[in-house]
Amino acid sequence: MNESRTPGNRRRFLRGMALGATGLTVSSLFNVRGLFAEQLTLTARQGEGPFYPDHLPLDTDNDLLTVNDGITPAVGQVTHLGGRIITASGEPIRNALVEIWQADNKGIYLHSNSNDEGTMDENFQGFGRFMTGSTGEYYFRTIRPVIYGNRTPHVHFALKIAGRETWTTQCYVRGEARNETDNLLNRIRDPQARETVIADFVPLEGSRIGELGARFDIVLGETPEA
């Protein structure tokens, strides 16, 4: 993450949100769960897709709503997206680099081939990174994903962990009508596996601007090498 380009107070804000402030409003989403009695269902893996950024932004921190020191936020419904990277037995995976990327409020990705009919929201970062700590938790502040072409709203995820190849999937919004007809989502034939990539995006209690919170835990099938 380009924390060297981020003022100290903003850096502390971003780190604090991951571990504390979100708990004031969505503690049920981000609380660390207890011991697991059974093996967890592995999160379904999906392809990277064509629009992983072909030119990374200068700012790649976990706040996608502003770019560098900008004060004008991106257009869209503010969403606090977080969860844990864990093994099937519930053990946290630390030092996992979590990357997300998604289209802006107009359906345009941070990619030169995404859309030639408009320009991306200059205040939307479009891509972010977060390194997990000892609890395996990650956190991003972004916008609720929107429809892109014939795709249902989704956020792309990539995990980069020492000792294993890059792992990718997509996070979908529960209740979206287009989920029923989305070609890529419905390639996951097993209903239980499909559930692992669908998250509840719920209103944050007390938010005056209609913010959402979403918990998306990612369960991997093996502990990566140290």
Protein backbone atom coordinates (compact mmCIF):
# COMPACT_ATOMS: atom_id res chain seq x y z
CA MET A 1 0.00 0.00 0.00
CA ASN A 2 1.24 3.50 -0.77
CA GLU A 3 1.08 4.68 2.82
CA SER A 4 4.09 6.91 2.27
CA ARG A 5 1.85 9.10 0.11
CA THR A 6 -0.88 9.19 2.74
CA PRO A 7 -0.83 11.87 5.47
CA GLY A 8 -0.37 10.45 8.96
CA ASN A 9 -3.81 11.38 10.22
CA ARG A 10 -5.53 9.74 7.25
CA ARG A 11 -3.38 6.64 7.62
CA ARG A 12 -4.39 6.32 11.27
CA PHE A 13 -8.04 6.80 10.26
CA LEU A 14 -7.88 3.99 7.72
CA ARG A 15 -6.18 1.58 10.10
CA GLY A 16 -8.54 2.54 12.91
CA MET A 17 -11.60 1.93 10.79
CA ALA A 18 -10.45 -1.60 10.14
CA LEU A 19 -10.15 -2.43 13.82
CA GLY A 20 -12.46 -0.14 15.70
CA ALA A 21 -14.79 2.46 14.29
CA THR A 22 -16.78 0.08 12.12
CA GLY A 23 -17.53 -1.91 15.24
CA LEU A 24 -19.59 1.00 16.54
CA THR A 25 -22.13 0.46 13.82
CA VAL A 26 -21.61 -3.01 12.39
CA SER A 27 -20.08 -5.00 15.21
CA SER A 28 -22.05 -8.04 14.14
CA LEU A 29 -20.33 -7.86 10.75
CA PHE A 30 -16.74 -7.40 11.83
CA ASN A 31 -16.47 -9.14 15.20
CA VAL A 32 -13.94 -11.95 15.30
CA ARG A 33 -15.88 -15.18 15.55
CA GLY A 34 -15.26 -17.91 18.07
CA LEU A 35 -13.86 -21.37 17.51
CA PHE A 36 -15.33 -23.42 14.67
CA ALA A 37 -16.74 -26.85 15.49
CA GLU A 38 -16.83 -27.94 11.86
CA GLN A 39 -14.87 -27.29 8.68
CA LEU A 40 -16.06 -24.20 6.84
CA THR A 41 -17.21 -24.23 3.24
CA LEU A 42 -14.44 -23.04 0.94
CA THR A 43 -15.11 -19.77 -0.87
CA ALA A 44 -15.77 -20.36 -4.55
CA ARG A 45 -12.96 -19.25 -6.80
CA GLN A 46 -13.68 -17.14 -9.89
CA GLY A 47 -11.52 -15.70 -12.64
CA GLU A 48 -9.78 -12.34 -12.50
CA GLY A 49 -11.85 -10.91 -15.34
CA PRO A 50 -10.67 -8.55 -18.10
CA PHE A 51 -10.46 -5.32 -16.12
CA TYR A 52 -7.77 -5.69 -13.48
CA PRO A 53 -6.28 -2.17 -13.70
CA ASP A 54 -3.80 -1.80 -16.55
CA HIS A 55 -2.47 1.35 -14.88
CA LEU A 56 -2.47 1.31 -11.10
CA PRO A 57 -3.40 4.55 -9.33
CA LEU A 58 -0.71 6.40 -7.38
CA ASP A 59 -2.90 5.87 -4.33
CA THR A 60 -3.60 2.18 -3.62
CA ASP A 61 -4.71 2.32 0.01
CA ASN A 62 -7.95 0.85 1.37
CA ASP A 63 -10.05 4.02 1.04
CA LEU A 64 -11.41 4.04 -2.51
CA LEU A 65 -13.64 7.06 -1.94
CA THR A 66 -10.88 9.63 -2.30
CA VAL A 67 -7.68 9.77 -4.30
CA ASN A 68 -4.46 10.87 -2.61
CA ASP A 69 -5.22 14.03 -0.61
CA GLY A 70 -8.45 14.86 -2.42
CA ILE A 71 -11.37 16.13 -0.38
CA THR A 72 -14.14 15.48 -2.90
CA PRO A 73 -15.53 11.96 -2.43
CA ALA A 74 -16.48 9.58 -5.20
CA VAL A 75 -20.10 9.37 -6.29
CA GLY A 76 -21.92 6.34 -4.92
CA GLN A 77 -23.38 4.79 -1.80
CA VAL A 78 -20.64 4.61 0.83
CA THR A 79 -19.94 1.00 1.77
CA HIS A 80 -17.71 -0.44 4.50
CA LEU A 81 -16.54 -3.80 3.16
CA GLY A 82 -14.56 -6.10 5.39
CA GLY A 83 -14.09 -9.59 6.73
CA ARG A 84 -11.43 -12.18 7.45
CA ILE A 85 -9.14 -14.36 5.38
CA ILE A 86 -9.20 -17.76 7.08
CA THR A 87 -8.62 -21.47 6.57
CA ALA A 88 -11.35 -24.10 6.51
CA SER A 89 -10.72 -24.73 10.22
CA GLY A 90 -11.17 -21.04 11.01
CA GLU A 91 -7.52 -20.15 11.48
CA PRO A 92 -6.67 -16.58 10.39
CA ILE A 93 -4.25 -16.08 7.51
CA ARG A 94 -1.91 -13.18 8.19
CA ASN A 95 0.20 -11.25 5.69
CA ALA A 96 -2.32 -11.83 2.93
CA LEU A 97 -2.37 -8.93 0.48
CA VAL A 98 -6.03 -8.34 -0.31
CA GLU A 99 -6.75 -6.39 -3.50
CA ILE A 100 -10.14 -5.22 -4.70
CA TRP A 101 -11.20 -3.45 -7.86
CA GLN A 102 -14.61 -2.44 -9.19
CA ALA A 103 -16.40 -0.15 -11.60
CA ASP A 104 -17.27 3.39 -10.55
CA ASN A 105 -20.85 4.65 -10.18
CA LYS A 106 -21.13 4.90 -13.99
CA GLY A 107 -19.95 1.35 -14.59
CA ILE A 108 -16.41 2.27 -15.69
CA TYR A 109 -13.33 0.38 -14.52
CA LEU A 110 -9.82 1.70 -14.01
CA HIS A 111 -8.82 0.15 -17.33
CA SER A 112 -8.22 1.66 -20.74
CA ASN A 113 -10.62 -0.79 -22.44
CA SER A 114 -13.45 -0.53 -19.93
CA ASN A 115 -15.62 2.11 -21.60
CA ASP A 116 -14.97 4.48 -24.49
CA GLU A 117 -18.19 6.42 -24.06
CA GLY A 118 -17.36 8.23 -20.86
CA THR A 119 -14.70 9.00 -18.31
CA MET A 120 -14.23 7.41 -14.94
CA ASP A 121 -15.14 9.34 -11.79
CA GLU A 122 -11.81 11.08 -11.08
CA ASN A 123 -12.51 10.93 -7.36
CA PHE A 124 -12.95 7.15 -7.27
CA GLN A 125 -9.76 5.20 -6.71
CA GLY A 126 -11.15 2.06 -8.38
CA PHE A 127 -8.57 -0.23 -6.77
CA GLY A 128 -7.27 -0.77 -3.25
CA ARG A 129 -5.01 -2.96 -1.14
CA PHE A 130 -4.93 -4.14 2.46
CA MET A 131 -2.47 -6.45 4.24
CA THR A 132 -4.02 -8.70 6.88
CA GLY A 133 -2.63 -8.88 10.39
CA SER A 134 -2.72 -11.57 13.07
CA THR A 135 -6.53 -11.89 13.01
CA GLY A 136 -6.74 -12.19 9.22
CA GLU A 137 -9.01 -9.15 9.03
CA TYR A 138 -9.22 -6.72 6.12
CA TYR A 139 -11.23 -3.55 5.55
CA PHE A 140 -12.09 -1.23 2.65
CA ARG A 141 -14.18 1.90 2.34
CA THR A 142 -15.71 1.99 -1.11
CA ILE A 143 -19.05 2.35 -2.92
CA ARG A 144 -21.82 -0.18 -3.35
CA PRO A 145 -21.06 -1.98 -6.63
CA VAL A 146 -23.23 -1.14 -9.61
CA ILE A 147 -24.39 -2.89 -12.77
CA TYR A 148 -21.72 -3.15 -15.45
CA GLY A 149 -23.02 -4.04 -18.92
CA ASN A 150 -24.97 -7.25 -18.45
CA ARG A 151 -23.19 -8.11 -15.20
CA THR A 152 -24.85 -7.99 -11.82
CA PRO A 153 -23.13 -5.68 -9.27
CA HIS A 154 -19.90 -7.20 -7.96
CA VAL A 155 -16.50 -6.44 -6.46
CA HIS A 156 -13.39 -8.28 -7.67
CA PHE A 157 -10.99 -9.76 -5.09
CA ALA A 158 -7.44 -11.02 -5.44
CA LEU A 159 -5.38 -12.56 -2.64
CA LYS A 160 -1.60 -12.58 -2.92
CA ILE A 161 0.02 -14.81 -0.31
CA ALA A 162 3.59 -16.03 -0.12
CA GLY A 163 3.97 -19.61 -1.25
CA ARG A 164 0.88 -19.82 -3.44
CA GLU A 165 -0.45 -18.49 -6.71
CA THR A 166 -2.73 -15.46 -6.82
CA TRP A 167 -6.28 -16.44 -5.84
CA THR A 168 -9.27 -14.52 -7.23
CA THR A 169 -13.01 -14.35 -6.77
CA GLN A 170 -15.90 -11.88 -6.90
CA CYS A 171 -18.25 -10.63 -4.19
CA TYR A 172 -21.93 -10.19 -5.07
CA VAL A 173 -24.82 -8.32 -3.40
CA ARG A 174 -27.52 -10.49 -1.87
CA GLY A 175 -30.99 -9.71 -3.19
CA GLU A 176 -29.91 -8.23 -6.52
CA ALA A 177 -32.42 -9.28 -9.19
CA ARG A 178 -29.66 -9.74 -11.80
CA ASN A 179 -27.99 -12.38 -9.67
CA GLU A 180 -30.51 -14.84 -11.08
CA THR A 181 -29.35 -14.34 -14.66
CA ASP A 182 -25.68 -13.38 -14.25
CA ASN A 183 -23.67 -15.77 -16.39
CA LEU A 184 -20.51 -15.86 -14.27
CA LEU A 185 -22.25 -16.12 -10.90
CA ASN A 186 -24.42 -18.97 -12.14
CA ARG A 187 -21.43 -20.91 -13.43
CA ILE A 188 -21.12 -21.89 -9.78
CA ARG A 189 -23.57 -24.79 -9.96
CA ASP A 190 -23.51 -25.85 -6.33
CA PRO A 191 -25.94 -23.61 -4.38
CA GLN A 192 -23.86 -23.88 -1.21
CA ALA A 193 -20.72 -22.82 -3.06
CA ARG A 194 -22.59 -19.97 -4.74
CA GLU A 195 -23.63 -18.68 -1.33
CA THR A 196 -19.97 -18.22 -0.38
CA VAL A 197 -19.58 -15.32 -2.84
CA ILE A 198 -22.81 -13.49 -1.96
CA ALA A 199 -22.78 -10.98 0.91
CA ASP A 200 -25.41 -8.96 2.73
CA PHE A 201 -25.00 -5.23 2.15
CA VAL A 202 -26.92 -3.77 5.10
CA PRO A 203 -27.64 -0.19 6.23
CA LEU A 204 -25.40 1.02 9.04
CA GLU A 205 -27.37 1.93 12.11
CA GLY A 206 -27.13 5.62 12.86
CA SER A 207 -25.60 6.64 9.54
CA ARG A 208 -26.95 9.98 8.36
CA ILE A 209 -25.86 9.46 4.77
CA GLY A 210 -27.17 5.96 4.17
CA GLU A 211 -23.90 4.04 4.47
CA LEU A 212 -23.80 0.27 4.08
CA GLY A 213 -21.77 -2.45 5.74
CA ALA A 214 -20.88 -5.80 4.19
CA ARG A 215 -18.98 -8.71 5.66
CA PHE A 216 -17.26 -11.02 3.19
CA ASP A 217 -15.12 -13.73 4.78
CA ILE A 218 -12.89 -15.67 2.42
CA VAL A 219 -12.16 -19.29 3.32
CA LEU A 220 -9.14 -20.89 1.67
CA GLY A 221 -8.50 -24.58 1.49
CA GLU A 222 -4.98 -24.77 2.79
CA THR A 223 -2.59 -22.88 5.00
CA PRO A 224 -0.03 -21.10 2.84
CA GLU A 225 3.66 -21.72 3.33
CA ALA A 226 5.44 -19.37 5.73
